[in-house]
Every structure is written in structure tokens, then in C-alpha cells.
Protein backbone atom coordinates (compact mmCIF):
# COMPACT_ATOMS: atom_id res chain seq x y z
CA MET A 1 245.90 80.73 161.37
CA SER A 2 245.19 83.75 163.57
CA HIS A 3 244.25 86.25 160.85
CA ILE A 4 243.68 86.65 157.14
CA SER A 5 244.50 89.68 154.99
CA PHE A 6 243.07 90.74 151.66
CA SER A 7 246.33 89.88 149.90
CA GLU A 8 246.12 86.36 151.34
CA LEU A 9 242.49 86.10 150.25
CA LYS A 10 243.49 87.23 146.76
CA ASP A 11 246.21 84.56 146.63
CA TRP A 12 243.65 81.90 147.56
CA VAL A 13 241.21 83.06 144.88
CA HIS A 14 244.06 83.10 142.35
CA CYS A 15 244.93 79.48 143.20
CA ALA A 16 244.36 77.60 146.44
CA PHE A 17 247.48 75.50 145.81
CA TYR A 18 249.58 78.67 145.31
CA HIS A 19 248.22 79.83 148.66
CA LYS A 20 249.36 76.56 150.23
CA LEU A 21 252.87 76.87 148.85
CA THR A 22 253.38 80.49 149.87
CA ARG A 23 251.28 80.87 153.01
CA VAL A 24 251.43 77.40 154.55
CA GLU A 25 254.73 75.93 153.35
CA LYS A 26 256.32 79.42 153.37
CA ILE A 27 257.96 79.07 149.95
CA ASP A 28 258.60 82.51 148.45
CA GLY A 29 256.18 83.34 145.68
CA PHE A 30 256.21 86.77 144.06
CA THR A 31 258.78 88.84 145.94
CA GLY A 32 258.56 92.17 144.15
CA ASN A 33 259.97 94.00 141.11
CA GLU A 34 260.58 97.51 139.80
CA TYR A 35 256.83 98.19 139.71
CA THR A 36 256.26 97.28 143.36
CA ALA A 37 259.34 99.31 144.32
CA PHE A 38 257.88 102.32 142.49
CA GLY A 39 254.49 101.78 144.11
CA SER A 40 255.95 101.72 147.63
CA ALA A 41 258.01 104.85 146.97
CA ILE A 42 255.10 106.87 145.59
CA HIS A 43 252.86 105.66 148.43
CA SER A 44 255.34 107.10 150.92
CA VAL A 45 255.12 110.46 149.14
CA CYS A 46 251.29 110.36 149.18
CA GLU A 47 251.28 109.62 152.90
CA LYS A 48 253.52 112.57 153.70
CA LYS A 49 251.50 114.91 151.47
CA LEU A 50 248.25 113.91 153.21
CA LEU A 51 249.86 114.61 156.58
CA GLN A 52 251.24 117.88 155.16
CA GLU A 53 254.76 116.93 156.13
CA ASP A 54 257.76 118.60 154.51
CA ILE A 55 259.35 116.45 151.83
CA GLU A 56 262.92 116.77 150.60
CA THR A 57 263.17 117.33 146.86
CA ASP A 58 264.90 113.98 146.36
CA PHE A 59 262.75 112.03 148.87
CA PHE A 60 260.98 110.00 146.18
CA VAL A 61 264.23 109.14 144.37
CA LYS A 62 265.85 107.99 147.64
CA GLU A 63 262.82 105.83 148.48
CA LEU A 64 262.78 104.28 145.01
CA LYS A 65 266.51 103.48 145.13
CA LYS A 66 266.13 101.97 148.61
CA ASN A 67 263.24 99.78 147.47
CA ILE A 68 265.12 98.67 144.37
CA SER A 69 268.14 97.74 146.48
CA GLU A 70 265.95 95.51 148.66
CA LEU A 71 264.63 93.40 145.78
CA ASP A 72 265.53 89.72 145.56
CA GLU A 73 269.15 89.27 144.52
CA GLU A 74 268.04 86.91 141.76
CA HIS A 75 265.94 89.64 140.15
CA GLU A 76 267.73 91.36 137.27
CA ILE A 77 267.12 95.11 137.51
CA ASN A 78 265.91 96.89 134.38
CA LYS A 79 268.00 100.07 134.74
CA LYS A 80 266.26 101.91 131.90
CA LEU A 81 262.86 101.22 133.46
CA VAL A 82 264.07 102.56 136.80
CA LEU A 83 265.35 105.76 135.16
CA ASP A 84 262.00 106.17 133.41
CA MET A 85 260.24 105.66 136.74
CA VAL A 86 262.25 108.48 138.32
CA ASP A 87 260.90 110.88 135.67
CA GLN A 88 257.39 109.44 135.93
CA GLY A 89 257.33 109.84 139.71
CA LYS A 90 258.54 113.43 139.47
CA ARG A 91 255.67 114.15 137.07
CA ILE A 92 253.03 112.56 139.30
CA ILE A 93 254.05 114.09 142.63
CA PRO A 94 253.10 117.77 141.90
CA GLU A 95 249.61 116.61 140.83
CA ILE A 96 248.70 114.77 144.04
CA GLU A 97 247.53 117.69 146.17
CA ASP A 98 245.56 119.30 143.32
CA ALA A 99 243.80 116.02 142.58
CA LEU A 100 242.86 115.61 146.24
CA ASN A 101 241.49 119.14 146.45
CA ASP A 102 239.60 118.89 143.18
CA TYR A 103 237.98 115.59 144.13
CA PHE A 104 237.05 116.16 147.77
CA GLU A 105 237.15 119.99 147.71
CA GLU A 106 237.13 120.38 151.49
CA PHE A 107 238.26 117.53 153.74
CA GLU A 108 239.91 116.60 157.03
CA VAL A 109 242.42 113.76 157.26
CA MET A 110 241.27 111.22 159.88
CA ALA A 111 243.94 108.60 159.39
CA VAL A 112 246.77 107.45 157.15
CA GLU A 113 247.80 103.79 157.03
CA MET A 114 245.03 102.91 159.49
CA PRO A 115 245.50 99.35 160.83
CA LEU A 116 242.60 96.91 160.87
CA TYR A 117 242.61 93.82 163.05
CA GLU A 118 238.96 92.97 163.48
CA PRO A 119 237.21 89.74 164.45
CA ILE A 120 235.45 87.87 161.65
CA ASP A 121 231.91 86.74 162.46
CA ASN A 122 231.63 83.15 163.65
CA GLU A 123 235.39 82.65 163.26
CA GLU A 124 238.22 82.63 165.78
CA LEU A 125 240.41 84.82 163.65
CA GLN A 126 240.84 88.43 162.59
CA PHE A 127 240.69 90.36 159.35
CA LYS A 128 244.00 92.20 159.01
CA GLY A 129 244.70 95.18 156.76
CA PHE A 130 245.90 98.75 156.42
CA ILE A 131 243.71 101.47 154.93
CA ASP A 132 245.84 103.91 152.93
CA ALA A 133 243.77 106.97 153.88
CA VAL A 134 240.57 108.02 155.64
CA VAL A 135 239.19 111.54 155.23
CA ALA A 136 236.01 113.28 156.34
CA THR A 137 234.03 115.87 154.36
CA PRO A 138 231.70 118.61 155.69
CA ASP A 139 228.59 116.67 154.56
CA GLY A 140 229.20 114.16 157.36
CA LYS A 141 230.61 111.47 155.04
CA VAL A 142 233.73 109.46 155.75
CA HIS A 143 235.81 108.42 152.74
CA ILE A 144 238.17 105.47 152.55
CA PHE A 145 240.57 105.37 149.62
CA ASP A 146 243.45 103.28 148.42
CA TRP A 147 246.38 104.49 146.27
CA LYS A 148 247.04 102.28 143.24
CA THR A 149 249.99 102.71 140.88
CA CYS A 150 249.47 101.67 137.27
CA SER A 151 250.66 102.42 133.76
CA TRP A 152 248.12 104.48 131.76
CA GLY A 153 245.04 103.75 133.91
CA TRP A 154 242.31 101.16 134.40
CA ASN A 155 239.66 100.20 131.86
CA ALA A 156 236.00 99.66 132.80
CA LYS A 157 236.49 95.94 133.35
CA LYS A 158 239.34 96.46 135.83
CA ARG A 159 237.40 99.18 137.70
CA SER A 160 234.52 96.78 138.36
CA GLU A 161 236.41 93.51 138.79
CA PRO A 162 235.21 91.85 142.02
CA MET A 163 238.62 90.82 143.37
CA VAL A 164 239.87 94.35 142.80
CA THR A 165 236.97 96.21 144.39
CA TYR A 166 236.35 93.70 147.22
CA GLN A 167 239.47 95.10 148.88
CA LEU A 168 237.68 98.39 149.54
CA THR A 169 234.42 96.59 150.35
CA LEU A 170 236.06 94.53 153.08
CA TYR A 171 238.07 97.48 154.35
CA LYS A 172 234.84 99.48 154.65
CA HIS A 173 233.03 96.64 156.46
CA TYR A 174 235.74 96.15 159.06
CA PHE A 175 236.44 99.89 159.40
CA CYS A 176 232.78 100.45 160.26
CA GLN A 177 232.96 97.54 162.72
CA LYS A 178 236.10 99.01 164.32
CA MET A 179 234.82 102.58 164.52
CA ASN A 180 231.13 101.74 165.13
CA ILE A 181 230.09 103.85 162.13
CA ASP A 182 226.96 103.38 160.00
CA PRO A 183 228.13 102.02 156.60
CA LYS A 184 225.67 104.39 154.91
CA ASN A 185 227.97 107.25 155.93
CA VAL A 186 231.12 105.71 154.47
CA GLU A 187 232.19 105.85 150.81
CA THR A 188 235.06 104.06 149.11
CA HIS A 189 237.40 105.23 146.35
CA PHE A 190 240.54 104.29 144.42
CA ALA A 191 243.20 106.86 143.59
CA LEU A 192 245.17 105.91 140.48
CA LEU A 193 248.76 107.11 140.16
CA LYS A 194 249.44 106.67 136.45
CA ARG A 195 253.07 106.42 135.34
CA THR A 196 252.62 106.79 131.58
CA ALA A 197 249.35 108.72 131.24
CA VAL A 198 249.52 111.71 128.90
CA LYS A 199 247.08 113.67 131.08
CA ASP A 200 245.49 113.35 134.54
CA PRO A 201 248.32 111.32 136.11
CA VAL A 202 246.34 111.24 139.40
CA GLU A 203 242.71 110.13 139.17
CA PHE A 204 240.18 109.44 141.92
CA PHE A 205 237.01 107.46 141.30
CA ARG A 206 234.31 106.08 143.58
CA VAL A 207 233.64 102.37 144.08
CA THR A 208 230.21 101.36 145.34
CA SER A 209 230.29 99.07 148.39
CA GLY A 210 226.65 98.57 149.38
CA PRO A 211 225.01 95.76 151.43
CA LYS A 212 224.74 93.24 148.56
CA LYS A 213 228.35 93.68 147.49
CA THR A 214 229.48 93.43 151.11
CA GLU A 215 227.51 90.18 151.44
CA ASN A 216 229.22 88.79 148.31
CA ALA A 217 232.69 89.81 149.51
CA LEU A 218 232.11 88.20 152.90
CA LYS A 219 230.95 85.00 151.20
CA VAL A 220 234.25 84.79 149.31
CA LEU A 221 236.16 85.49 152.53
CA ASN A 222 234.30 82.84 154.53
CA LYS A 223 234.61 80.29 151.71
CA ALA A 224 238.37 80.82 151.68
CA ILE A 225 238.60 80.47 155.47
CA TYR A 226 236.57 77.23 155.40
CA ASN A 227 238.74 75.66 152.71
CA ILE A 228 242.03 76.80 154.26
CA LYS A 229 241.02 75.41 157.66
CA ASN A 230 240.05 72.13 156.06
CA GLU A 231 243.28 72.02 154.00
CA ARG A 232 241.46 71.89 150.71
CA TYR A 233 244.06 73.13 148.23
CA ILE A 234 242.75 72.58 144.73
CA LYS A 235 244.93 73.80 141.86
CA ASN A 236 243.45 76.46 139.61
CA ARG A 237 244.97 75.52 136.24
CA LEU A 238 243.54 78.67 134.64
CA SER A 239 245.88 80.78 136.76
CA CYS A 240 249.09 78.99 135.78
CA THR A 241 249.87 81.30 132.87
CA SER A 242 247.22 84.04 133.17
CA GLY A 243 248.20 87.58 134.09
CA TYR A 244 251.86 87.61 135.18
CA GLY A 245 251.83 83.83 135.40
CA CYS A 246 252.87 81.73 138.38
CA LYS A 247 256.39 81.41 139.73
CA PHE A 248 255.77 77.73 140.46
CA TYR A 249 254.46 76.77 137.01
CA LYS A 250 256.25 73.64 135.76
CA THR A 251 258.60 73.55 138.77
CA GLU A 252 259.15 70.77 141.30
CA HIS A 253 256.74 72.55 143.66
CA CYS A 254 253.81 72.28 141.26
CA SER A 255 254.53 69.70 138.60
């Protein structure tokens, strides 16, 4: 193991045995669906808008169709859902720039899809990730934010859930390490792109990532690294059917 990403960490927290099957034995776990295809397509639009690049009127539709075509052949496409997503994307896209300007008012784009590959303390491996966007505001603050597609939005529980917000916490920590920036000058945010929301289809909100939270996130990261290195893959039975469930539940891989 030369590096660990947040998605890998999240897999391990979900179930260490699931992590073993997908990351060690290289058995395909979740390989994507219409929702991930939509998310990737709308992310591409957001990236181009931040960079102020010209976008063809049908750019989003082409990206969505391309992503759908690349899904696993075994996945049965919900054609009605895809058609709905085309309309939903077209409704979100015109709101992106206004939401950015309303939230940050005045800002300068520092980076889009910034790569992270930073050494982890006391470990011979790197933390790997990509920050969706980094902007600077006139008050001297640097802002890291991550685009998240969803249905109608996130409730209070989701907005504060550790394994949701730790993504930004770890990104901030290793961004500051990479750029040699004081963490006090860096703020973190999520930007929700809401497919079915009646109003405010694009919403930014701040996530606190102070010293204590950073310490907690790093503890989870280091605990995962320790257990992975020592091949301790304990099944988390609570994750078998929770959320979207597990692809390996009641199969020969995890009987």
C-alpha cells in the first residue's frame, strides 16, 4: 500500500471486510449507476464554469450520455430516470454562477481539481485526493469546497455526519501541509447540486474543520492504516443492509 484516499478510508469504515474484497482482492464492488453518471457530468460543468470556459449548449447532455454508456454492462439503465436527469441538470446549470457569486461575493479561483499526494505522519505512505475547487477571497481567506449532487438536499444529520465532513477536514489538513498555509486561514464548504429541489438548486454551506475535528479525523485515518497493514478485516454486520446495502451480502464472497 503506497497511498490511501478518502474513498478507501470510507470503505474501510463502512466495513473492513468490504475493503478487503474490493481494495485487496480487487473484486469489483459498487461500480456506478445513473446517479454517479449524473454527478460526474454536472461536476464537469462546474469545473468549466469556475474556469470561465465556454460550454456548448449540449455539453452536459453529451457528458451524461457518455457516462451512462460507460456503466457496467450488467446494470439495467432506468431510461425515465436518465430523461428526468437531463431536465434536472439543465435547471441546475444556470444557477451555478449566481450561487457562487452570492456566497463568496468576490473571489479568485486558485485551483480546480487540485491533486493531493501528501505524506502521512509516521507512515510510509501518502494521502491521495483531489480537491474540487480552491478559491481565495479579499479578506485573505482560502476556501476549499466540494461539489455534491443529491436529490432535494441534506438534512442536519447528514450535514454534520463525521464520515461526510471528514473528507473536507482531511483535504484541508493535507492542503495546508502541501501549500504551507496556516489552517486558521482556510475554510471548508460543501456545494449541493440538488436535482429535485423546488428552490435553491445550488446551495453552499460551511463546514467547520478546526484542530479538534482534524485530530479526530486523523485518528480514524491512522486506525484504518494500522488495521489494513496488519490485515485485520473484521466484518461490520450493521453495514450489510444499511444505506444502499452491500453488493457482497449473502454471496460466495461474504457468506
